[in-house]
């Protein structure tokens, strides 16, 4: 999981990441986000809001991580929601998250 936080930190440095609830919501509404990560500690209303908005726009979303660690890897305080705006980085981070914590009901394809 440390590699995921490292990639998020690298994304922040390359300006391919938007953090914060309001800014991430705006990125989703503008279809600029390719992946939205909501921390596990987020309120149920926040999770539902982003789940609905992302599903409507076919944007990947994952409930993952701790808000303190998400903020720390970005050099900020607590972050509950982050959005990735680079498609390749989003795909890589998405596959790494799914590798560690598969989505319930989704079968893993063995290679």
PDB file of N, CA and C in Angstrom:
ATOM      1  N   UNK A   1       0.816  -1.202   0.000  1.00  0.00           N
ATOM      2  CA  UNK A   1       0.000   0.000   0.000  1.00  0.00           C
ATOM      3  C   UNK A   1       0.857   1.263   0.000  1.00  0.00           C
ATOM      4  N   UNK A   2       2.077   1.164   0.497  1.00  0.00           N
ATOM      5  CA  UNK A   2       2.947   2.338   0.502  1.00  0.00           C
ATOM      6  C   UNK A   2       3.217   2.828  -0.913  1.00  0.00           C
ATOM      7  N   UNK A   3       3.276   1.922  -1.882  1.00  0.00           N
ATOM      8  CA  UNK A   3       3.525   2.333  -3.262  1.00  0.00           C
ATOM      9  C   UNK A   3       2.369   3.161  -3.814  1.00  0.00           C
ATOM     10  N   UNK A   4       1.173   2.862  -3.360  1.00  0.00           N
ATOM     11  CA  UNK A   4       0.014   3.644  -3.808  1.00  0.00           C
ATOM     12  C   UNK A   4       0.131   5.077  -3.303  1.00  0.00           C
ATOM     13  N   UNK A   5       0.481   5.224  -2.019  1.00  0.00           N
ATOM     14  CA  UNK A   5       0.662   6.569  -1.465  1.00  0.00           C
ATOM     15  C   UNK A   5       1.809   7.294  -2.162  1.00  0.00           C
ATOM     16  N   UNK A   6       2.864   6.570  -2.530  1.00  0.00           N
ATOM     17  CA  UNK A   6       3.977   7.186  -3.245  1.00  0.00           C
ATOM     18  C   UNK A   6       3.537   7.676  -4.630  1.00  0.00           C
ATOM     19  N   UNK A   7       2.721   6.870  -5.317  1.00  0.00           N
ATOM     20  CA  UNK A   7       2.219   7.303  -6.625  1.00  0.00           C
ATOM     21  C   UNK A   7       1.287   8.508  -6.497  1.00  0.00           C
ATOM     22  N   UNK A   8       0.497   8.527  -5.434  1.00  0.00           N
ATOM     23  CA  UNK A   8      -0.376   9.687  -5.206  1.00  0.00           C
ATOM     24  C   UNK A   8       0.460  10.935  -4.956  1.00  0.00           C
ATOM     25  N   UNK A   9       1.540  10.778  -4.197  1.00  0.00           N
ATOM     26  CA  UNK A   9       2.435  11.898  -3.928  1.00  0.00           C
ATOM     27  C   UNK A   9       3.084  12.392  -5.222  1.00  0.00           C
ATOM     28  N   UNK A  10       3.493  11.458  -6.060  1.00  0.00           N
ATOM     29  CA  UNK A  10       4.092  11.812  -7.352  1.00  0.00           C
ATOM     30  C   UNK A  10       3.069  12.518  -8.247  1.00  0.00           C
ATOM     31  N   UNK A  11       1.827  12.053  -8.193  1.00  0.00           N
ATOM     32  CA  UNK A  11       0.756  12.686  -8.970  1.00  0.00           C
ATOM     33  C   UNK A  11       0.531  14.125  -8.522  1.00  0.00           C
ATOM     34  N   UNK A  12       0.595  14.338  -7.223  1.00  0.00           N
ATOM     35  CA  UNK A  12       0.433  15.689  -6.674  1.00  0.00           C
ATOM     36  C   UNK A  12       1.555  16.596  -7.165  1.00  0.00           C
ATOM     37  N   UNK A  13       2.759  16.082  -7.164  1.00  0.00           N
ATOM     38  CA  UNK A  13       3.902  16.880  -7.608  1.00  0.00           C
ATOM     39  C   UNK A  13       3.804  17.225  -9.094  1.00  0.00           C
ATOM     40  N   UNK A  14       3.242  16.296  -9.868  1.00  0.00           N
ATOM     41  CA  UNK A  14       3.071  16.527 -11.301  1.00  0.00           C
ATOM     42  C   UNK A  14       1.783  17.245 -11.659  1.00  0.00           C
ATOM     43  N   UNK A  15       1.059  17.719 -10.658  1.00  0.00           N
ATOM     44  CA  UNK A  15      -0.208  18.438 -10.844  1.00  0.00           C
ATOM     45  C   UNK A  15      -1.246  17.609 -11.606  1.00  0.00           C
ATOM     46  N   UNK A  16      -1.271  16.304 -11.309  1.00  0.00           N
ATOM     47  CA  UNK A  16      -2.249  15.410 -11.908  1.00  0.00           C
ATOM     48  C   UNK A  16      -3.267  14.938 -10.888  1.00  0.00           C
ATOM     49  N   UNK A  17      -3.361  15.649  -9.778  1.00  0.00           N
ATOM     50  CA  UNK A  17      -4.235  15.248  -8.687  1.00  0.00           C
ATOM     51  C   UNK A  17      -4.928  16.476  -8.108  1.00  0.00           C
ATOM     52  N   UNK A  18      -6.193  16.326  -7.811  1.00  0.00           N
ATOM     53  CA  UNK A  18      -6.966  17.395  -7.194  1.00  0.00           C
ATOM     54  C   UNK A  18      -7.437  16.877  -5.850  1.00  0.00           C
ATOM     55  N   UNK A  19      -7.192  17.637  -4.788  1.00  0.00           N
ATOM     56  CA  UNK A  19      -7.579  17.174  -3.460  1.00  0.00           C
ATOM     57  C   UNK A  19      -8.588  18.131  -2.842  1.00  0.00           C
ATOM     58  N   UNK A  20      -9.385  17.582  -1.962  1.00  0.00           N
ATOM     59  CA  UNK A  20     -10.418  18.371  -1.304  1.00  0.00           C
ATOM     60  C   UNK A  20     -11.779  18.069  -1.893  1.00  0.00           C
ATOM     61  N   UNK A  21     -12.773  18.098  -1.048  1.00  0.00           N
ATOM     62  CA  UNK A  21     -14.116  17.700  -1.466  1.00  0.00           C
ATOM     63  C   UNK A  21     -14.683  18.599  -2.564  1.00  0.00           C
ATOM     64  N   UNK A  22     -14.600  19.916  -2.373  1.00  0.00           N
ATOM     65  CA  UNK A  22     -15.186  20.837  -3.350  1.00  0.00           C
ATOM     66  C   UNK A  22     -14.463  20.770  -4.696  1.00  0.00           C
ATOM     67  N   UNK A  23     -13.134  20.796  -4.672  1.00  0.00           N
ATOM     68  CA  UNK A  23     -12.363  20.777  -5.916  1.00  0.00           C
ATOM     69  C   UNK A  23     -12.532  19.445  -6.652  1.00  0.00           C
ATOM     70  N   UNK A  24     -12.573  18.344  -5.909  1.00  0.00           N
ATOM     71  CA  UNK A  24     -12.760  17.034  -6.534  1.00  0.00           C
ATOM     72  C   UNK A  24     -14.159  16.929  -7.151  1.00  0.00           C
ATOM     73  N   UNK A  25     -15.145  17.468  -6.463  1.00  0.00           N
ATOM     74  CA  UNK A  25     -16.514  17.446  -6.993  1.00  0.00           C
ATOM     75  C   UNK A  25     -16.588  18.246  -8.291  1.00  0.00           C
ATOM     76  N   UNK A  26     -15.911  19.375  -8.328  1.00  0.00           N
ATOM     77  CA  UNK A  26     -15.894  20.195  -9.540  1.00  0.00           C
ATOM     78  C   UNK A  26     -15.195  19.468 -10.686  1.00  0.00           C
ATOM     79  N   UNK A  27     -14.119  18.743 -10.387  1.00  0.00           N
ATOM     80  CA  UNK A  27     -13.411  17.973 -11.414  1.00  0.00           C
ATOM     81  C   UNK A  27     -14.298  16.864 -11.971  1.00  0.00           C
ATOM     82  N   UNK A  28     -15.095  16.246 -11.116  1.00  0.00           N
ATOM     83  CA  UNK A  28     -16.021  15.206 -11.564  1.00  0.00           C
ATOM     84  C   UNK A  28     -17.109  15.819 -12.444  1.00  0.00           C
ATOM     85  N   UNK A  29     -17.660  16.938 -12.013  1.00  0.00           N
ATOM     86  CA  UNK A  29     -18.714  17.589 -12.795  1.00  0.00           C
ATOM     87  C   UNK A  29     -18.208  18.066 -14.151  1.00  0.00           C
ATOM     88  N   UNK A  30     -16.938  18.461 -14.221  1.00  0.00           N
ATOM     89  CA  UNK A  30     -16.343  18.916 -15.483  1.00  0.00           C
ATOM     90  C   UNK A  30     -15.771  17.767 -16.305  1.00  0.00           C
ATOM     91  N   UNK A  31     -15.934  16.529 -15.838  1.00  0.00           N
ATOM     92  CA  UNK A  31     -15.391  15.328 -16.494  1.00  0.00           C
ATOM     93  C   UNK A  31     -13.879  15.387 -16.680  1.00  0.00           C
ATOM     94  N   UNK A  32     -13.176  15.992 -15.727  1.00  0.00           N
ATOM     95  CA  UNK A  32     -11.714  16.052 -15.774  1.00  0.00           C
ATOM     96  C   UNK A  32     -11.084  14.912 -14.989  1.00  0.00           C
ATOM     97  N   UNK A  33     -11.852  14.262 -14.129  1.00  0.00           N
ATOM     98  CA  UNK A  33     -11.321  13.201 -13.264  1.00  0.00           C
ATOM     99  C   UNK A  33     -11.451  11.841 -13.950  1.00  0.00           C
ATOM    100  N   UNK A  34     -10.440  10.993 -13.746  1.00  0.00           N
ATOM    101  CA  UNK A  34     -10.478   9.621 -14.244  1.00  0.00           C
ATOM    102  C   UNK A  34     -10.641   8.625 -13.099  1.00  0.00           C
ATOM    103  N   UNK A  35     -10.267   9.024 -11.897  1.00  0.00           N
ATOM    104  CA  UNK A  35     -10.406   8.184 -10.718  1.00  0.00           C
ATOM    105  C   UNK A  35     -10.640   9.087  -9.515  1.00  0.00           C
ATOM    106  N   UNK A  36     -11.606   8.714  -8.700  1.00  0.00           N
ATOM    107  CA  UNK A  36     -11.874   9.428  -7.457  1.00  0.00           C
ATOM    108  C   UNK A  36     -11.649   8.453  -6.313  1.00  0.00           C
ATOM    109  N   UNK A  37     -10.868   8.894  -5.332  1.00  0.00           N
ATOM    110  CA  UNK A  37     -10.621   8.089  -4.140  1.00  0.00           C
ATOM    111  C   UNK A  37     -11.229   8.821  -2.951  1.00  0.00           C
ATOM    112  N   UNK A  38     -12.136   8.120  -2.260  1.00  0.00           N
ATOM    113  CA  UNK A  38     -12.775   8.656  -1.067  1.00  0.00           C
ATOM    114  C   UNK A  38     -12.263   7.835   0.106  1.00  0.00           C
ATOM    115  N   UNK A  39     -11.808   8.493   1.161  1.00  0.00           N
ATOM    116  CA  UNK A  39     -11.254   7.762   2.305  1.00  0.00           C
ATOM    117  C   UNK A  39     -12.350   6.986   3.019  1.00  0.00           C
ATOM    118  N   UNK A  40     -11.935   5.951   3.720  1.00  0.00           N
ATOM    119  CA  UNK A  40     -12.885   5.107   4.449  1.00  0.00           C
ATOM    120  C   UNK A  40     -13.577   5.863   5.567  1.00  0.00           C
ATOM    121  N   UNK A  41     -12.938   6.920   6.096  1.00  0.00           N
ATOM    122  CA  UNK A  41     -13.516   7.688   7.199  1.00  0.00           C
ATOM    123  C   UNK A  41     -14.531   8.735   6.754  1.00  0.00           C
ATOM    124  N   UNK A  42     -14.744   8.875   5.457  1.00  0.00           N
ATOM    125  CA  UNK A  42     -15.682   9.885   4.962  1.00  0.00           C
ATOM    126  C   UNK A  42     -17.094   9.558   5.438  1.00  0.00           C
ATOM    127  N   UNK A  43     -17.906  10.582   5.548  1.00  0.00           N
ATOM    128  CA  UNK A  43     -19.292  10.368   5.978  1.00  0.00           C
ATOM    129  C   UNK A  43     -20.054   9.613   4.881  1.00  0.00           C
ATOM    130  N   UNK A  44     -21.139   8.990   5.280  1.00  0.00           N
ATOM    131  CA  UNK A  44     -21.957   8.232   4.321  1.00  0.00           C
ATOM    132  C   UNK A  44     -22.521   9.156   3.247  1.00  0.00           C
ATOM    133  N   UNK A  45     -22.840  10.396   3.609  1.00  0.00           N
ATOM    134  CA  UNK A  45     -23.353  11.358   2.623  1.00  0.00           C
ATOM    135  C   UNK A  45     -22.309  11.678   1.567  1.00  0.00           C
ATOM    136  N   UNK A  46     -21.064  11.851   1.984  1.00  0.00           N
ATOM    137  CA  UNK A  46     -19.977  12.138   1.037  1.00  0.00           C
ATOM    138  C   UNK A  46     -19.746  10.950   0.119  1.00  0.00           C
ATOM    139  N   UNK A  47     -19.720   9.754   0.689  1.00  0.00           N
ATOM    140  CA  UNK A  47     -19.529   8.542  -0.126  1.00  0.00           C
ATOM    141  C   UNK A  47     -20.646   8.409  -1.155  1.00  0.00           C
ATOM    142  N   UNK A  48     -21.885   8.628  -0.718  1.00  0.00           N
ATOM    143  CA  UNK A  48     -23.026   8.498  -1.634  1.00  0.00           C
ATOM    144  C   UNK A  48     -22.981   9.571  -2.715  1.00  0.00           C
ATOM    145  N   UNK A  49     -22.653  10.798  -2.332  1.00  0.00           N
ATOM    146  CA  UNK A  49     -22.577  11.897  -3.292  1.00  0.00           C
ATOM    147  C   UNK A  49     -21.600  11.571  -4.416  1.00  0.00           C
ATOM    148  N   UNK A  50     -20.385  11.176  -4.051  1.00  0.00           N
ATOM    149  CA  UNK A  50     -19.374  10.897  -5.068  1.00  0.00           C
ATOM    150  C   UNK A  50     -19.678   9.612  -5.826  1.00  0.00           C
ATOM    151  N   UNK A  51     -20.234   8.615  -5.155  1.00  0.00           N
ATOM    152  CA  UNK A  51     -20.593   7.374  -5.844  1.00  0.00           C
ATOM    153  C   UNK A  51     -21.629   7.660  -6.921  1.00  0.00           C
ATOM    154  N   UNK A  52     -22.643   8.449  -6.601  1.00  0.00           N
ATOM    155  CA  UNK A  52     -23.694   8.775  -7.565  1.00  0.00           C
ATOM    156  C   UNK A  52     -23.162   9.608  -8.729  1.00  0.00           C
ATOM    157  N   UNK A  53     -22.387  10.637  -8.401  1.00  0.00           N
ATOM    158  CA  UNK A  53     -21.866  11.518  -9.457  1.00  0.00           C
ATOM    159  C   UNK A  53     -20.895  10.777 -10.381  1.00  0.00           C
ATOM    160  N   UNK A  54     -20.047   9.925  -9.809  1.00  0.00           N
ATOM    161  CA  UNK A  54     -19.075   9.178 -10.614  1.00  0.00           C
ATOM    162  C   UNK A  54     -19.753   8.103 -11.462  1.00  0.00           C
ATOM    163  N   UNK A  55     -20.717   7.403 -10.891  1.00  0.00           N
ATOM    164  CA  UNK A  55     -21.421   6.365 -11.654  1.00  0.00           C
ATOM    165  C   UNK A  55     -22.193   6.966 -12.825  1.00  0.00           C
ATOM    166  N   UNK A  56     -22.791   8.130 -12.630  1.00  0.00           N
ATOM    167  CA  UNK A  56     -23.532   8.785 -13.700  1.00  0.00           C
ATOM    168  C   UNK A  56     -22.611   9.173 -14.864  1.00  0.00           C
ATOM    169  N   UNK A  57     -21.372   9.557 -14.538  1.00  0.00           N
ATOM    170  CA  UNK A  57     -20.422  10.020 -15.557  1.00  0.00           C
ATOM    171  C   UNK A  57     -19.404   8.949 -15.955  1.00  0.00           C
ATOM    172  N   UNK A  58     -19.595   7.722 -15.497  1.00  0.00           N
ATOM    173  CA  UNK A  58     -18.689   6.597 -15.797  1.00  0.00           C
ATOM    174  C   UNK A  58     -17.249   6.880 -15.383  1.00  0.00           C
ATOM    175  N   UNK A  59     -17.076   7.433 -14.189  1.00  0.00           N
ATOM    176  CA  UNK A  59     -15.761   7.697 -13.620  1.00  0.00           C
ATOM    177  C   UNK A  59     -15.526   6.664 -12.527  1.00  0.00           C
ATOM    178  N   UNK A  60     -14.343   6.064 -12.521  1.00  0.00           N
ATOM    179  CA  UNK A  60     -14.020   5.058 -11.501  1.00  0.00           C
ATOM    180  C   UNK A  60     -13.935   5.714 -10.128  1.00  0.00           C
ATOM    181  N   UNK A  61     -14.434   5.004  -9.129  1.00  0.00           N
ATOM    182  CA  UNK A  61     -14.382   5.499  -7.751  1.00  0.00           C
ATOM    183  C   UNK A  61     -14.026   4.336  -6.841  1.00  0.00           C
ATOM    184  N   UNK A  62     -13.216   4.627  -5.835  1.00  0.00           N
ATOM    185  CA  UNK A  62     -12.860   3.632  -4.831  1.00  0.00           C
ATOM    186  C   UNK A  62     -12.936   4.268  -3.449  1.00  0.00           C
ATOM    187  N   UNK A  63     -13.469   3.510  -2.498  1.00  0.00           N
ATOM    188  CA  UNK A  63     -13.467   3.903  -1.094  1.00  0.00           C
ATOM    189  C   UNK A  63     -12.229   3.230  -0.520  1.00  0.00           C
ATOM    190  N   UNK A  64     -11.193   4.004  -0.245  1.00  0.00           N
ATOM    191  CA  UNK A  64      -9.906   3.428   0.121  1.00  0.00           C
ATOM    192  C   UNK A  64      -9.081   4.416   0.925  1.00  0.00           C
ATOM    193  N   UNK A  65      -8.264   3.917   1.821  1.00  0.00           N
ATOM    194  CA  UNK A  65      -7.269   4.722   2.518  1.00  0.00           C
ATOM    195  C   UNK A  65      -7.811   5.454   3.734  1.00  0.00           C
ATOM    196  N   UNK A  66      -6.880   6.038   4.440  1.00  0.00           N
ATOM    197  CA  UNK A  66      -7.196   6.829   5.619  1.00  0.00           C
ATOM    198  C   UNK A  66      -6.966   8.299   5.298  1.00  0.00           C
ATOM    199  N   UNK A  67      -7.832   9.141   5.803  1.00  0.00           N
ATOM    200  CA  UNK A  67      -7.747  10.566   5.472  1.00  0.00           C
ATOM    201  C   UNK A  67      -6.442  11.188   5.951  1.00  0.00           C
ATOM    202  N   UNK A  68      -5.930  10.736   7.090  1.00  0.00           N
ATOM    203  CA  UNK A  68      -4.672  11.306   7.589  1.00  0.00           C
ATOM    204  C   UNK A  68      -3.500  10.923   6.685  1.00  0.00           C
ATOM    205  N   UNK A  69      -3.476   9.676   6.209  1.00  0.00           N
ATOM    206  CA  UNK A  69      -2.392   9.241   5.319  1.00  0.00           C
ATOM    207  C   UNK A  69      -2.515   9.858   3.932  1.00  0.00           C
ATOM    208  N   UNK A  70      -3.749  10.011   3.456  1.00  0.00           N
ATOM    209  CA  UNK A  70      -3.938  10.670   2.156  1.00  0.00           C
ATOM    210  C   UNK A  70      -3.428  12.107   2.213  1.00  0.00           C
ATOM    211  N   UNK A  71      -3.744  12.805   3.282  1.00  0.00           N
ATOM    212  CA  UNK A  71      -3.269  14.178   3.435  1.00  0.00           C
ATOM    213  C   UNK A  71      -1.770  14.246   3.601  1.00  0.00           C
ATOM    214  N   UNK A  72      -1.219  13.328   4.381  1.00  0.00           N
ATOM    215  CA  UNK A  72       0.222  13.332   4.646  1.00  0.00           C
ATOM    216  C   UNK A  72       1.035  13.095   3.372  1.00  0.00           C
ATOM    217  N   UNK A  73       0.574  12.172   2.519  1.00  0.00           N
ATOM    218  CA  UNK A  73       1.329  11.900   1.290  1.00  0.00           C
ATOM    219  C   UNK A  73       1.235  13.056   0.300  1.00  0.00           C
ATOM    220  N   UNK A  74       0.244  13.943   0.483  1.00  0.00           N
ATOM    221  CA  UNK A  74       0.105  15.108  -0.392  1.00  0.00           C
ATOM    222  C   UNK A  74       0.743  16.357   0.204  1.00  0.00           C
ATOM    223  N   UNK A  75       1.271  16.241   1.437  1.00  0.00           N
ATOM    224  CA  UNK A  75       1.878  17.384   2.086  1.00  0.00           C
ATOM    225  C   UNK A  75       0.848  18.358   2.627  1.00  0.00           C
ATOM    226  N   UNK A  76      -0.326  17.852   2.968  1.00  0.00           N
ATOM    227  CA  UNK A  76      -1.403  18.701   3.466  1.00  0.00           C
ATOM    228  C   UNK A  76      -1.994  18.058   4.711  1.00  0.00           C
ATOM    229  N   UNK A  77      -3.036  18.700   5.251  1.00  0.00           N
ATOM    230  CA  UNK A  77      -3.755  18.103   6.372  1.00  0.00           C
ATOM    231  C   UNK A  77      -4.640  16.979   5.855  1.00  0.00           C
ATOM    232  N   UNK A  78      -5.592  16.597   6.654  1.00  0.00           N
ATOM    233  CA  UNK A  78      -6.493  15.513   6.291  1.00  0.00           C
ATOM    234  C   UNK A  78      -7.149  15.772   4.942  1.00  0.00           C
ATOM    235  N   UNK A  79      -7.217  14.743   4.118  1.00  0.00           N
ATOM    236  CA  UNK A  79      -7.918  14.815   2.830  1.00  0.00           C
ATOM    237  C   UNK A  79      -8.879  13.642   2.758  1.00  0.00           C
ATOM    238  N   UNK A  80     -10.131  13.942   2.530  1.00  0.00           N
ATOM    239  CA  UNK A  80     -11.149  12.900   2.475  1.00  0.00           C
ATOM    240  C   UNK A  80     -11.391  12.450   1.037  1.00  0.00           C
ATOM    241  N   UNK A  81     -11.273  13.367   0.078  1.00  0.00           N
ATOM    242  CA  UNK A  81     -11.542  13.057  -1.323  1.00  0.00           C
ATOM    243  C   UNK A  81     -10.400  13.575  -2.185  1.00  0.00           C
ATOM    244  N   UNK A  82      -9.937  12.717  -3.103  1.00  0.00           N
ATOM    245  CA  UNK A  82      -8.967  13.156  -4.105  1.00  0.00           C
ATOM    246  C   UNK A  82      -9.400  12.640  -5.470  1.00  0.00           C
ATOM    247  N   UNK A  83      -9.057  13.386  -6.507  1.00  0.00           N
ATOM    248  CA  UNK A  83      -9.407  13.010  -7.873  1.00  0.00           C
ATOM    249  C   UNK A  83      -8.139  13.049  -8.726  1.00  0.00           C
ATOM    250  N   UNK A  84      -7.932  12.005  -9.499  1.00  0.00           N
ATOM    251  CA  UNK A  84      -6.784  11.939 -10.398  1.00  0.00           C
ATOM    252  C   UNK A  84      -7.211  12.385 -11.787  1.00  0.00           C
ATOM    253  N   UNK A  85      -6.420  13.273 -12.403  1.00  0.00           N
ATOM    254  CA  UNK A  85      -6.778  13.832 -13.696  1.00  0.00           C
ATOM    255  C   UNK A  85      -5.904  13.308 -14.827  1.00  0.00           C
ATOM    256  N   UNK A  86      -4.997  12.392 -14.522  1.00  0.00           N
ATOM    257  CA  UNK A  86      -4.164  11.764 -15.541  1.00  0.00           C
ATOM    258  C   UNK A  86      -4.652  10.339 -15.733  1.00  0.00           C
ATOM    259  N   UNK A  87      -5.016   9.984 -16.961  1.00  0.00           N
ATOM    260  CA  UNK A  87      -5.639   8.683 -17.211  1.00  0.00           C
ATOM    261  C   UNK A  87      -4.706   7.512 -16.927  1.00  0.00           C
ATOM    262  N   UNK A  88      -3.445   7.626 -17.327  1.00  0.00           N
ATOM    263  CA  UNK A  88      -2.514   6.512 -17.120  1.00  0.00           C
ATOM    264  C   UNK A  88      -2.194   6.300 -15.645  1.00  0.00           C
ATOM    265  N   UNK A  89      -1.978   7.373 -14.921  1.00  0.00           N
ATOM    266  CA  UNK A  89      -1.739   7.245 -13.483  1.00  0.00           C
ATOM    267  C   UNK A  89      -2.981   6.699 -12.777  1.00  0.00           C
ATOM    268  N   UNK A  90      -4.135   7.160 -13.188  1.00  0.00           N
ATOM    269  CA  UNK A  90      -5.382   6.683 -12.584  1.00  0.00           C
ATOM    270  C   UNK A  90      -5.562   5.188 -12.824  1.00  0.00           C
ATOM    271  N   UNK A  91      -5.257   4.722 -14.018  1.00  0.00           N
ATOM    272  CA  UNK A  91      -5.376   3.296 -14.344  1.00  0.00           C
ATOM    273  C   UNK A  91      -4.421   2.469 -13.503  1.00  0.00           C
ATOM    274  N   UNK A  92      -3.199   2.933 -13.350  1.00  0.00           N
ATOM    275  CA  UNK A  92      -2.196   2.204 -12.561  1.00  0.00           C
ATOM    276  C   UNK A  92      -2.602   2.149 -11.089  1.00  0.00           C
ATOM    277  N   UNK A  93      -2.999   3.271 -10.525  1.00  0.00           N
ATOM    278  CA  UNK A  93      -3.393   3.312  -9.116  1.00  0.00           C
ATOM    279  C   UNK A  93      -4.650   2.476  -8.892  1.00  0.00           C
ATOM    280  N   UNK A  94      -5.575   2.534  -9.831  1.00  0.00           N
ATOM    281  CA  UNK A  94      -6.793   1.729  -9.732  1.00  0.00           C
ATOM    282  C   UNK A  94      -6.466   0.239  -9.705  1.00  0.00           C
ATOM    283  N   UNK A  95      -5.568  -0.191 -10.567  1.00  0.00           N
ATOM    284  CA  UNK A  95      -5.198  -1.613 -10.585  1.00  0.00           C
ATOM    285  C   UNK A  95      -4.475  -2.009  -9.300  1.00  0.00           C
ATOM    286  N   UNK A  96      -3.661  -1.119  -8.749  1.00  0.00           N
ATOM    287  CA  UNK A  96      -2.957  -1.420  -7.498  1.00  0.00           C
ATOM    288  C   UNK A  96      -3.941  -1.514  -6.325  1.00  0.00           C
ATOM    289  N   UNK A  97      -4.929  -0.631  -6.283  1.00  0.00           N
ATOM    290  CA  UNK A  97      -5.931  -0.684  -5.215  1.00  0.00           C
ATOM    291  C   UNK A  97      -6.739  -1.977  -5.325  1.00  0.00           C
ATOM    292  N   UNK A  98      -7.150  -2.317  -6.539  1.00  0.00           N
ATOM    293  CA  UNK A  98      -7.955  -3.524  -6.736  1.00  0.00           C
ATOM    294  C   UNK A  98      -7.155  -4.789  -6.441  1.00  0.00           C
ATOM    295  N   UNK A  99      -5.846  -4.734  -6.646  1.00  0.00           N
ATOM    296  CA  UNK A  99      -4.981  -5.866  -6.334  1.00  0.00           C
ATOM    297  C   UNK A  99      -4.968  -6.132  -4.832  1.00  0.00           C
ATOM    298  N   UNK A 100      -4.876  -5.057  -4.050  1.00  0.00           N
ATOM    299  CA  UNK A 100      -4.801  -5.193  -2.593  1.00  0.00           C
ATOM    300  C   UNK A 100      -6.165  -5.419  -1.962  1.00  0.00           C
ATOM    301  N   UNK A 101      -7.184  -4.736  -2.457  1.00  0.00           N
ATOM    302  CA  UNK A 101      -8.522  -4.838  -1.887  1.00  0.00           C
ATOM    303  C   UNK A 101      -9.528  -5.013  -3.019  1.00  0.00           C
ATOM    304  N   UNK A 102      -9.778  -6.266  -3.435  1.00  0.00           N
ATOM    305  CA  UNK A 102     -10.722  -6.498  -4.542  1.00  0.00           C
ATOM    306  C   UNK A 102     -12.133  -6.016  -4.198  1.00  0.00           C
ATOM    307  N   UNK A 103     -12.863  -5.637  -5.216  1.00  0.00           N
ATOM    308  CA  UNK A 103     -14.235  -5.185  -5.022  1.00  0.00           C
ATOM    309  C   UNK A 103     -15.095  -6.416  -4.700  1.00  0.00           C
ATOM    310  N   UNK A 104     -15.923  -6.349  -3.663  1.00  0.00           N
ATOM    311  CA  UNK A 104     -16.785  -7.499  -3.343  1.00  0.00           C
ATOM    312  C   UNK A 104     -17.675  -7.864  -4.517  1.00  0.00           C
ATOM    313  N   UNK A 105     -17.748  -9.153  -4.818  1.00  0.00           N
ATOM    314  CA  UNK A 105     -18.580  -9.616  -5.915  1.00  0.00           C
ATOM    315  C   UNK A 105     -17.868  -9.655  -7.241  1.00  0.00           C
ATOM    316  N   UNK A 106     -16.655  -9.150  -7.298  1.00  0.00           N
ATOM    317  CA  UNK A 106     -15.894  -9.139  -8.538  1.00  0.00           C
ATOM    318  C   UNK A 106     -14.893 -10.288  -8.494  1.00  0.00           C
ATOM    319  N   UNK A 107     -14.915 -11.127  -9.494  1.00  0.00           N
ATOM    320  CA  UNK A 107     -13.976 -12.255  -9.516  1.00  0.00           C
ATOM    321  C   UNK A 107     -12.640 -11.790 -10.079  1.00  0.00           C
ATOM    322  N   UNK A 108     -11.586 -12.300  -9.509  1.00  0.00           N
ATOM    323  CA  UNK A 108     -10.258 -11.944  -9.990  1.00  0.00           C
ATOM    324  C   UNK A 108      -9.891 -12.857 -11.145  1.00  0.00           C
ATOM    325  N   UNK A 109      -9.371 -12.299 -12.199  1.00  0.00           N
ATOM    326  CA  UNK A 109      -8.957 -13.079 -13.355  1.00  0.00           C
ATOM    327  C   UNK A 109      -7.503 -13.509 -13.122  1.00  0.00           C
ATOM    328  N   UNK A 110      -7.285 -14.793 -13.130  1.00  0.00           N
ATOM    329  CA  UNK A 110      -5.942 -15.307 -12.928  1.00  0.00           C
ATOM    330  C   UNK A 110      -5.186 -15.299 -14.242  1.00  0.00           C
ATOM    331  N   UNK A 111      -3.922 -14.933 -14.158  1.00  0.00           N
ATOM    332  CA  UNK A 111      -3.095 -14.864 -15.356  1.00  0.00           C
ATOM    333  C   UNK A 111      -2.179 -16.054 -15.416  1.00  0.00           C
TER     334      UNK A 111
END
